[in-house]
Protein backbone atom coordinates (compact mmCIF):
# COMPACT_ATOMS: atom_id res chain seq x y z
CA MET A 1 11.33 -53.90 -31.30
CA HIS A 2 14.80 -55.42 -31.41
CA GLU A 3 13.33 -58.94 -31.45
CA SER A 4 15.76 -61.34 -33.07
CA ILE A 5 15.65 -64.79 -34.56
CA ARG A 6 18.91 -66.72 -34.49
CA VAL A 7 19.61 -68.39 -37.83
CA THR A 8 23.24 -69.30 -37.05
CA ASP A 9 25.83 -68.01 -34.56
CA TRP A 10 26.73 -65.24 -37.01
CA CYS A 11 23.35 -64.61 -38.70
CA TYR A 12 20.23 -63.10 -37.11
CA ILE A 13 16.97 -61.66 -38.31
CA PHE A 14 16.81 -58.61 -36.03
CA PHE A 15 13.84 -56.22 -36.24
CA THR A 16 14.72 -52.56 -35.88
CA GLU A 17 13.52 -49.29 -37.35
CA ASN A 18 16.00 -46.80 -38.75
CA ASN A 19 15.00 -43.13 -38.76
CA GLY A 20 18.04 -41.97 -40.66
CA MET A 21 20.18 -43.18 -43.50
CA ALA A 22 22.84 -45.89 -43.61
CA PHE A 23 23.91 -47.17 -40.18
CA GLY A 24 21.34 -44.91 -38.50
CA MET A 25 23.17 -41.67 -39.33
CA GLN A 26 20.91 -38.64 -39.19
CA ILE A 27 21.87 -35.59 -41.19
CA PHE A 28 19.43 -32.70 -41.51
CA GLY A 29 15.76 -33.64 -41.14
CA LYS A 30 13.66 -36.59 -42.23
CA LEU A 31 11.84 -34.58 -44.91
CA PHE A 32 15.17 -33.48 -46.41
CA LEU A 33 16.44 -37.08 -46.46
CA THR A 34 13.31 -38.47 -48.13
CA THR A 35 13.22 -35.62 -50.67
CA PHE A 36 16.91 -36.14 -51.41
CA ARG A 37 16.28 -39.86 -51.97
CA ILE A 38 13.44 -39.13 -54.39
CA VAL A 39 15.53 -36.60 -56.36
CA ALA A 40 18.50 -39.03 -56.41
CA VAL A 41 16.27 -41.84 -57.73
CA GLY A 42 14.99 -39.52 -60.46
CA ALA A 43 18.57 -38.67 -61.45
CA ILE A 44 19.63 -42.33 -61.42
CA MET A 45 16.60 -43.27 -63.55
CA TRP A 46 17.48 -40.58 -66.09
CA CYS A 47 21.13 -41.73 -66.18
CA LEU A 48 20.11 -45.36 -66.51
CA TYR A 49 17.80 -44.48 -69.41
CA LYS A 50 20.70 -42.73 -71.18
CA PHE A 51 23.04 -45.64 -70.42
CA VAL A 52 20.62 -48.22 -71.82
CA LYS A 53 20.00 -46.08 -74.90
CA ALA A 54 23.79 -45.83 -75.45
CA ASN A 55 24.03 -49.63 -75.18
CA LEU A 56 26.60 -49.63 -72.36
CA LYS A 57 27.92 -52.86 -70.84
CA THR A 58 25.29 -55.13 -69.30
CA GLY A 59 27.20 -55.55 -66.03
CA PHE A 60 27.45 -51.78 -65.62
CA LEU A 61 23.69 -51.50 -66.19
CA VAL A 62 23.04 -54.24 -63.64
CA CYS A 63 25.14 -52.39 -61.04
CA MET A 64 23.26 -49.15 -61.69
CA SER A 65 19.94 -51.05 -61.53
CA LEU A 66 20.87 -52.54 -58.15
CA ILE A 67 21.58 -49.06 -56.78
CA LEU A 68 18.30 -47.76 -58.22
CA THR A 69 16.12 -50.58 -56.91
CA GLY A 70 17.70 -50.40 -53.46
CA ALA A 71 17.05 -46.66 -53.31
CA ILE A 72 13.45 -47.18 -54.43
CA GLY A 73 12.96 -49.82 -51.72
CA ASN A 74 14.16 -47.45 -49.00
CA ILE A 75 11.96 -44.67 -50.41
CA ILE A 76 8.89 -46.91 -50.27
CA ASP A 77 9.65 -47.63 -46.61
CA SER A 78 10.26 -44.01 -45.64
CA VAL A 79 7.26 -42.68 -47.58
CA PHE A 80 4.63 -45.25 -46.58
CA TYR A 81 5.76 -47.17 -43.48
CA GLY A 82 4.72 -44.44 -41.06
CA VAL A 83 1.33 -44.03 -42.76
CA ILE A 84 0.23 -47.68 -42.64
CA PHE A 85 1.83 -48.89 -39.38
CA ASN A 86 1.49 -47.77 -35.78
CA GLU A 87 4.68 -47.01 -33.89
CA SER A 88 6.79 -49.83 -32.50
CA THR A 89 7.62 -49.80 -28.83
CA PHE A 90 9.78 -52.09 -26.73
CA ASN A 91 6.57 -53.94 -25.78
CA GLN A 92 4.87 -54.09 -29.17
CA VAL A 93 5.94 -54.51 -32.79
CA ALA A 94 4.30 -52.22 -35.35
CA SER A 95 1.06 -53.48 -36.86
CA PHE A 96 -1.07 -52.45 -39.82
CA VAL A 97 -3.52 -49.60 -39.30
CA PRO A 98 -5.91 -47.97 -41.78
CA PHE A 99 -4.13 -45.72 -44.29
CA GLY A 100 -3.26 -42.36 -42.73
CA GLN A 101 -3.63 -43.50 -39.13
CA GLY A 102 0.00 -44.50 -38.66
CA TYR A 103 2.61 -42.89 -36.48
CA ALA A 104 3.86 -40.42 -39.12
CA PRO A 105 2.63 -38.52 -42.18
CA LEU A 106 3.78 -39.32 -45.73
CA LEU A 107 7.54 -38.91 -46.25
CA TYR A 108 8.35 -39.15 -42.52
CA GLY A 109 8.35 -42.93 -41.95
CA LYS A 110 11.22 -45.04 -40.73
CA VAL A 111 13.00 -47.76 -42.71
CA VAL A 112 12.83 -51.31 -41.39
CA ASP A 113 16.19 -53.05 -41.06
CA MET A 114 16.45 -56.74 -40.29
CA PHE A 115 19.73 -58.43 -41.25
CA TYR A 116 22.42 -58.68 -38.58
CA PHE A 117 25.69 -60.58 -39.07
CA PRO A 118 27.87 -60.35 -35.93
CA MET A 119 30.63 -62.54 -37.37
CA ILE A 120 33.06 -62.07 -34.49
CA GLU A 121 32.00 -61.13 -30.98
CA THR A 122 34.74 -60.77 -28.39
CA GLU A 123 36.46 -58.42 -25.93
CA TRP A 124 39.36 -56.16 -26.84
CA PRO A 125 42.57 -57.22 -25.05
CA SER A 126 43.08 -55.20 -21.88
CA TRP A 127 46.48 -53.93 -23.08
CA MET A 128 44.92 -52.09 -26.07
CA PRO A 129 44.94 -48.31 -25.60
CA LEU A 130 41.53 -46.59 -25.46
CA VAL A 131 39.44 -49.73 -26.12
CA GLY A 132 41.07 -52.34 -23.86
CA GLY A 133 38.53 -54.60 -22.14
CA GLU A 134 35.56 -53.26 -24.12
CA HIS A 135 33.11 -55.46 -26.01
CA PHE A 136 33.78 -55.74 -29.76
CA VAL A 137 31.50 -56.96 -32.55
CA PHE A 138 32.90 -57.32 -36.05
CA PHE A 139 30.28 -56.23 -38.57
CA SER A 140 27.61 -54.87 -36.28
CA PRO A 141 25.44 -52.88 -38.73
CA ILE A 142 21.82 -53.96 -39.08
CA PHE A 143 20.56 -53.46 -42.61
CA ASN A 144 17.84 -54.47 -45.08
CA PHE A 145 17.74 -55.97 -48.56
CA ALA A 146 17.54 -52.53 -50.19
CA ASP A 147 20.74 -51.47 -48.39
CA SER A 148 22.39 -54.67 -49.67
CA CYS A 149 21.39 -53.87 -53.25
CA ILE A 150 22.86 -50.38 -52.98
CA SER A 151 26.08 -51.60 -51.34
CA VAL A 152 26.63 -54.51 -53.74
CA GLY A 153 25.86 -52.25 -56.72
CA ILE A 154 28.33 -49.59 -55.63
CA VAL A 155 31.11 -52.03 -54.69
CA ALA A 156 30.71 -54.02 -57.94
CA LEU A 157 30.63 -50.77 -59.90
CA LEU A 158 33.88 -49.62 -58.31
CA ILE A 159 35.64 -52.99 -58.58
CA PHE A 160 34.57 -54.07 -62.06
CA TYR A 161 33.72 -50.79 -63.80
CA GLY A 162 35.85 -48.19 -62.03
CA LYS A 163 37.63 -47.17 -65.20
CA TYR A 164 34.44 -47.48 -67.25
CA VAL A 165 32.56 -44.87 -65.18
CA ASN A 166 34.28 -41.98 -66.99
CA HIS A 167 33.09 -43.40 -70.32
CA ALA A 168 29.56 -43.68 -68.91
CA PHE A 169 29.55 -40.04 -67.83
CA ASP A 170 30.82 -39.02 -71.27
CA VAL A 171 27.62 -40.60 -72.61
CA LEU A 172 25.61 -38.26 -70.37
CA LYS A 173 27.50 -35.21 -71.65
CA LYS A 174 26.84 -35.94 -75.33
CA LYS A 175 23.88 -34.18 -76.89
CA GLU A 176 21.38 -36.29 -78.74
CA SER A 177 21.57 -35.89 -82.49
């Protein structure tokens, strides 16, 4: 747990398990979060089907697909990881176990995060109010490839298709003829 491999000064492969959602936030319970993810993926799949059928812009569809695949990746982790791995400790990294003998039942597993990019690591100047003298790391989240897909999809959607989103939702409102 928390083992890291230094790739460069600002890039590490850092093993950690995330019990919550983005950045380790935990809202409600694990079952609620996993169920919400599954329902959200179903809704995104339905929307994407409608968008493809309406022949919307390819870039918009790619952005939506990135969000969908990232969400599916995190669901796979949270549904199955706890069932097929034993629990990680500070002395031992999780290892495969026979199906159903893991540390958690279906839907209650953690999500493995591994990318860490501490681009700037320094101390706040002592004259700064509230944080003076404290350690500071710019970009300290640890995340996985699925999180990257979701983030890139959402950011690209907002930057390149922000005005197009209203048109896309109009497609969802139209009844099929």
